[in-house]
Amino acid sequence: MATGVLAIMPSIYNLPLLLVLFIIRNTLMNMANPLLTSLINELAPREERGRVFGIWNMISSIPRAVGPSIGGYLMDTGYLDLPLYITSMLYAIAVVLFYVLLRGGVEGRVRVVHGT
């Protein structure tokens, strides 16, 4: 839902409505973080969780370091909406890949030991 809201934001020219959509989108995006943390905790062995989270944070920080420069360049050249469309497209690809890779369910492939 957050990706859909992000995709329609460039076409909204009503500032109060756009601000509400921005808050809704950020809320929806942040709802996924506990789910991702839970998934990593289930998939990674207890002794490897620190390493997995470190690698995950490093890899996910690369786009946040490079993205603003690319977005700023595109906006500076007059493409104000293009960064939002590119971001929407990348998020949509990530959602589809997440579904394709995990559609069979994690529970069947992972033995969950309570108390770990």
C-alpha atoms as a PDB file:
ATOM      1  CA  MET A   1       0.000   0.000   0.000  1.00  0.00           C
ATOM      2  CA  ALA A   2       2.857   2.363   0.817  1.00  0.00           C
ATOM      3  CA  THR A   3       4.311   1.863  -2.660  1.00  0.00           C
ATOM      4  CA  GLY A   4       0.956   2.704  -4.247  1.00  0.00           C
ATOM      5  CA  VAL A   5       0.641   5.864  -2.153  1.00  0.00           C
ATOM      6  CA  LEU A   6       4.170   6.867  -3.153  1.00  0.00           C
ATOM      7  CA  ALA A   7       3.359   6.308  -6.834  1.00  0.00           C
ATOM      8  CA  ILE A   8       0.348   8.646  -6.764  1.00  0.00           C
ATOM      9  CA  MET A   9       2.001  11.395  -4.713  1.00  0.00           C
ATOM     10  CA  PRO A  10       3.593  13.193  -7.720  1.00  0.00           C
ATOM     11  CA  SER A  11       0.155  13.695  -9.260  1.00  0.00           C
ATOM     12  CA  ILE A  12      -1.281  15.410  -6.146  1.00  0.00           C
ATOM     13  CA  TYR A  13      -1.103  19.199  -6.207  1.00  0.00           C
ATOM     14  CA  ASN A  14      -3.134  19.855  -3.057  1.00  0.00           C
ATOM     15  CA  LEU A  15      -0.541  20.492  -0.327  1.00  0.00           C
ATOM     16  CA  PRO A  16      -2.668  19.492   2.716  1.00  0.00           C
ATOM     17  CA  LEU A  17      -3.715  16.253   0.985  1.00  0.00           C
ATOM     18  CA  LEU A  18      -0.116  15.609  -0.016  1.00  0.00           C
ATOM     19  CA  LEU A  19       1.048  16.060   3.584  1.00  0.00           C
ATOM     20  CA  VAL A  20      -1.589  13.581   4.791  1.00  0.00           C
ATOM     21  CA  LEU A  21      -0.494  11.081   2.123  1.00  0.00           C
ATOM     22  CA  PHE A  22       3.137  11.581   3.167  1.00  0.00           C
ATOM     23  CA  ILE A  23       2.302  10.739   6.792  1.00  0.00           C
ATOM     24  CA  ILE A  24       0.232   7.718   5.722  1.00  0.00           C
ATOM     25  CA  ARG A  25       3.030   6.479   3.476  1.00  0.00           C
ATOM     26  CA  ASN A  26       5.667   6.823   6.194  1.00  0.00           C
ATOM     27  CA  THR A  27       3.410   5.035   8.669  1.00  0.00           C
ATOM     28  CA  LEU A  28       2.819   2.168   6.247  1.00  0.00           C
ATOM     29  CA  MET A  29       6.525   1.882   5.403  1.00  0.00           C
ATOM     30  CA  ASN A  30       7.541   1.747   9.063  1.00  0.00           C
ATOM     31  CA  MET A  31       4.998  -0.995   9.763  1.00  0.00           C
ATOM     32  CA  ALA A  32       7.131  -3.390   7.708  1.00  0.00           C
ATOM     33  CA  ASN A  33      10.257  -3.003   9.866  1.00  0.00           C
ATOM     34  CA  PRO A  34       9.098  -5.219  12.780  1.00  0.00           C
ATOM     35  CA  LEU A  35       7.978  -7.867  10.276  1.00  0.00           C
ATOM     36  CA  LEU A  36      11.361  -7.833   8.568  1.00  0.00           C
ATOM     37  CA  THR A  37      13.158  -8.052  11.907  1.00  0.00           C
ATOM     38  CA  SER A  38      10.987 -11.010  12.881  1.00  0.00           C
ATOM     39  CA  LEU A  39      11.669 -12.730   9.561  1.00  0.00           C
ATOM     40  CA  ILE A  40      15.432 -12.305   9.932  1.00  0.00           C
ATOM     41  CA  ASN A  41      15.244 -13.598  13.510  1.00  0.00           C
ATOM     42  CA  GLU A  42      13.426 -16.708  12.283  1.00  0.00           C
ATOM     43  CA  LEU A  43      15.723 -17.377   9.334  1.00  0.00           C
ATOM     44  CA  ALA A  44      19.106 -16.668  10.893  1.00  0.00           C
ATOM     45  CA  PRO A  45      20.663 -18.894  13.546  1.00  0.00           C
ATOM     46  CA  ARG A  46      20.965 -17.183  16.916  1.00  0.00           C
ATOM     47  CA  GLU A  47      24.765 -16.920  16.770  1.00  0.00           C
ATOM     48  CA  GLU A  48      24.651 -15.365  13.271  1.00  0.00           C
ATOM     49  CA  ARG A  49      21.913 -12.746  13.826  1.00  0.00           C
ATOM     50  CA  GLY A  50      24.352  -9.938  14.609  1.00  0.00           C
ATOM     51  CA  ARG A  51      26.248 -10.587  11.400  1.00  0.00           C
ATOM     52  CA  VAL A  52      23.040 -10.847   9.343  1.00  0.00           C
ATOM     53  CA  PHE A  53      21.660  -7.583  10.732  1.00  0.00           C
ATOM     54  CA  GLY A  54      25.025  -5.866  10.186  1.00  0.00           C
ATOM     55  CA  ILE A  55      25.168  -6.976   6.558  1.00  0.00           C
ATOM     56  CA  TRP A  56      21.499  -6.121   6.036  1.00  0.00           C
ATOM     57  CA  ASN A  57      21.963  -2.610   7.454  1.00  0.00           C
ATOM     58  CA  MET A  58      25.117  -2.040   5.401  1.00  0.00           C
ATOM     59  CA  ILE A  59      23.465  -3.173   2.154  1.00  0.00           C
ATOM     60  CA  SER A  60      20.274  -1.202   2.795  1.00  0.00           C
ATOM     61  CA  SER A  61      22.301   1.933   3.621  1.00  0.00           C
ATOM     62  CA  ILE A  62      23.952   2.076   0.197  1.00  0.00           C
ATOM     63  CA  PRO A  63      20.816   3.296  -1.622  1.00  0.00           C
ATOM     64  CA  ARG A  64      20.177   5.821   1.150  1.00  0.00           C
ATOM     65  CA  ALA A  65      23.692   7.186   0.625  1.00  0.00           C
ATOM     66  CA  VAL A  66      23.562   7.325  -3.177  1.00  0.00           C
ATOM     67  CA  GLY A  67      19.858   8.037  -3.725  1.00  0.00           C
ATOM     68  CA  PRO A  68      19.749  11.652  -2.525  1.00  0.00           C
ATOM     69  CA  SER A  69      22.553  12.619  -4.920  1.00  0.00           C
ATOM     70  CA  ILE A  70      20.784  11.044  -7.883  1.00  0.00           C
ATOM     71  CA  GLY A  71      17.426  12.471  -6.814  1.00  0.00           C
ATOM     72  CA  GLY A  72      18.928  15.914  -6.287  1.00  0.00           C
ATOM     73  CA  TYR A  73      20.551  15.810  -9.711  1.00  0.00           C
ATOM     74  CA  LEU A  74      17.278  14.805 -11.376  1.00  0.00           C
ATOM     75  CA  MET A  75      15.363  17.527  -9.545  1.00  0.00           C
ATOM     76  CA  ASP A  76      18.042  20.090 -10.396  1.00  0.00           C
ATOM     77  CA  THR A  77      17.676  19.247 -14.088  1.00  0.00           C
ATOM     78  CA  GLY A  78      13.901  19.740 -13.891  1.00  0.00           C
ATOM     79  CA  TYR A  79      12.635  16.209 -13.386  1.00  0.00           C
ATOM     80  CA  LEU A  80      10.829  16.852 -10.095  1.00  0.00           C
ATOM     81  CA  ASP A  81       8.562  13.789 -10.253  1.00  0.00           C
ATOM     82  CA  LEU A  82      11.045  11.275 -11.662  1.00  0.00           C
ATOM     83  CA  PRO A  83      12.759  10.403  -8.340  1.00  0.00           C
ATOM     84  CA  LEU A  84       9.384   9.456  -6.845  1.00  0.00           C
ATOM     85  CA  TYR A  85       8.486   7.311  -9.846  1.00  0.00           C
ATOM     86  CA  ILE A  86      11.882   5.583  -9.779  1.00  0.00           C
ATOM     87  CA  THR A  87      11.529   4.923  -6.046  1.00  0.00           C
ATOM     88  CA  SER A  88       8.014   3.544  -6.552  1.00  0.00           C
ATOM     89  CA  MET A  89       9.263   1.248  -9.293  1.00  0.00           C
ATOM     90  CA  LEU A  90      12.147  -0.047  -7.140  1.00  0.00           C
ATOM     91  CA  TYR A  91       9.829  -0.658  -4.179  1.00  0.00           C
ATOM     92  CA  ALA A  92       7.331  -2.461  -6.426  1.00  0.00           C
ATOM     93  CA  ILE A  93      10.110  -4.718  -7.734  1.00  0.00           C
ATOM     94  CA  ALA A  94      11.213  -5.430  -4.161  1.00  0.00           C
ATOM     95  CA  VAL A  95       7.651  -6.310  -3.096  1.00  0.00           C
ATOM     96  CA  VAL A  96       7.225  -8.673  -6.055  1.00  0.00           C
ATOM     97  CA  LEU A  97      10.598 -10.328  -5.387  1.00  0.00           C
ATOM     98  CA  PHE A  98       9.771 -10.661  -1.695  1.00  0.00           C
ATOM     99  CA  TYR A  99       6.501 -12.387  -2.582  1.00  0.00           C
ATOM    100  CA  VAL A 100       8.063 -14.657  -5.214  1.00  0.00           C
ATOM    101  CA  LEU A 101      10.916 -15.735  -2.959  1.00  0.00           C
ATOM    102  CA  LEU A 102       8.822 -16.287   0.172  1.00  0.00           C
ATOM    103  CA  ARG A 103       5.394 -17.285  -1.183  1.00  0.00           C
ATOM    104  CA  GLY A 104       5.765 -20.894  -0.020  1.00  0.00           C
ATOM    105  CA  GLY A 105       6.041 -19.705   3.552  1.00  0.00           C
ATOM    106  CA  VAL A 106       8.957 -19.655   5.885  1.00  0.00           C
ATOM    107  CA  GLU A 107       7.373 -21.942   8.457  1.00  0.00           C
ATOM    108  CA  GLY A 108       7.713 -25.040   6.278  1.00  0.00           C
ATOM    109  CA  ARG A 109      11.410 -24.491   5.596  1.00  0.00           C
ATOM    110  CA  VAL A 110      12.571 -23.298   8.997  1.00  0.00           C
ATOM    111  CA  ARG A 111      12.534 -25.274  12.203  1.00  0.00           C
ATOM    112  CA  VAL A 112      11.631 -22.772  14.901  1.00  0.00           C
ATOM    113  CA  VAL A 113      13.004 -23.647  18.312  1.00  0.00           C
ATOM    114  CA  HIS A 114      11.203 -21.838  21.094  1.00  0.00           C
ATOM    115  CA  GLY A 115      13.380 -20.071  23.585  1.00  0.00           C
ATOM    116  CA  THR A 116      16.113 -19.090  21.121  1.00  0.00           C
END
